Protein backbone atom coordinates (compact mmCIF):
# COMPACT_ATOMS: atom_id res chain seq x y z
CA MET A 1 87.26 62.30 120.12
CA ASP A 2 89.21 61.21 122.86
CA ASN A 3 89.72 62.94 125.99
CA SER A 4 92.67 65.05 125.46
CA THR A 5 91.14 66.56 122.24
CA LYS A 6 87.79 67.27 124.16
CA ALA A 7 90.08 69.19 126.92
CA THR A 8 91.80 71.08 124.33
CA VAL A 9 88.61 72.12 122.65
CA GLU A 10 87.14 73.29 126.16
CA ASN A 11 90.16 75.05 126.94
CA MET A 12 90.05 77.00 123.58
CA THR A 13 86.47 77.88 124.21
CA ILE A 14 87.26 79.08 127.70
CA ALA A 15 90.34 80.84 126.52
CA SER A 16 88.25 82.60 123.67
CA ALA A 17 85.67 83.61 126.14
CA ASP A 18 88.23 85.26 128.36
CA LEU A 19 89.81 87.11 125.40
CA ALA A 20 86.40 88.48 124.39
CA SER A 21 86.02 89.56 127.89
CA THR A 22 89.33 91.06 128.24
CA ILE A 23 89.01 92.88 124.78
CA ALA A 24 85.49 94.35 126.24
CA GLU A 25 87.38 95.57 129.36
CA LEU A 26 90.22 97.08 127.27
CA LYS A 27 87.83 98.97 125.01
CA ALA A 28 86.07 100.26 127.98
CA GLY A 29 89.25 101.23 129.65
CA ILE A 30 90.21 103.16 126.22
CA ALA A 31 86.78 104.92 126.12
CA SER A 32 87.33 106.06 129.90
CA LEU A 33 90.91 107.22 129.15
CA ASN A 34 89.87 109.23 125.90
CA ALA A 35 87.13 110.99 128.09
CA LEU A 36 89.77 111.72 130.65
CA VAL A 37 92.09 113.19 127.82
CA GLU A 38 89.16 115.08 126.51
CA SER A 39 88.50 116.55 129.82
CA LEU A 40 92.21 117.54 130.64
CA LYS A 41 92.54 119.17 127.24
CA SER A 42 89.35 121.34 127.98
CA ASP A 43 91.11 122.06 131.51
CA ASN A 44 94.53 122.84 129.99
CA GLU A 45 93.00 125.29 127.42
CA TYR A 46 90.97 127.19 130.22
CA LEU A 47 94.01 127.41 132.51
CA LYS A 48 95.98 128.58 129.57
CA ASN A 49 93.57 131.31 128.74
CA ASN A 50 93.05 132.27 132.42
CA ASN A 51 96.98 132.54 132.66
CA ASP A 52 97.17 134.91 129.46
CA LEU A 53 94.58 137.11 131.10
CA LEU A 54 96.27 137.13 134.33
CA ARG A 55 99.60 138.03 132.55
CA GLU A 56 98.06 140.92 130.71
CA GLU A 57 96.45 142.13 134.03
CA ASN A 58 99.71 141.81 135.70
CA ALA A 59 101.40 143.80 132.92
CA TYR A 60 98.67 146.48 133.09
CA LEU A 61 98.95 147.11 136.77
CA LYS A 62 102.91 147.10 136.69
CA ARG A 63 102.52 149.86 133.86
CA LYS A 64 100.18 151.75 136.19
CA LEU A 65 102.15 151.43 139.20
CA PHE A 66 105.69 151.78 137.63
CA GLY A 67 105.09 153.53 134.36
CA VAL A 68 105.24 157.31 133.69
CA LYS A 69 103.35 159.41 136.18
CA SER A 70 101.56 162.58 135.10
CA GLU A 71 102.83 164.17 138.06
CA LYS A 72 106.59 163.79 137.31
CA MET A 73 107.95 166.66 135.24
CA PRO A 74 110.74 165.87 132.91
CA CYS A 75 114.18 166.89 134.21
CA SER A 76 115.52 169.96 132.30
CA VAL A 77 119.21 170.91 132.17
CA GLU A 78 118.33 174.57 133.33
CA GLN A 79 117.23 173.07 136.80
CA LEU A 80 120.19 171.91 139.04
CA SER A 81 120.05 168.56 140.39
CA LEU A 82 119.91 168.29 144.33
CA PHE A 83 121.82 165.06 144.45
């Protein structure tokens, strides 16, 4: 083999090693991102459930505060309005 062929073969070997290293790095990055996605899905589910509970609590408290009170008597036609 002449020198240019040897240089080409060496360059290809180096390029192949670089590609293998790059592939390993990319796979590690993908695994890391997948773990992050799962973590974020879990956080999102927790926050959705918490939001639903808080909405229910808010609605309950509004009903208690602004809902029909037992002390209030219904207005009757016989009773004159003061205003």
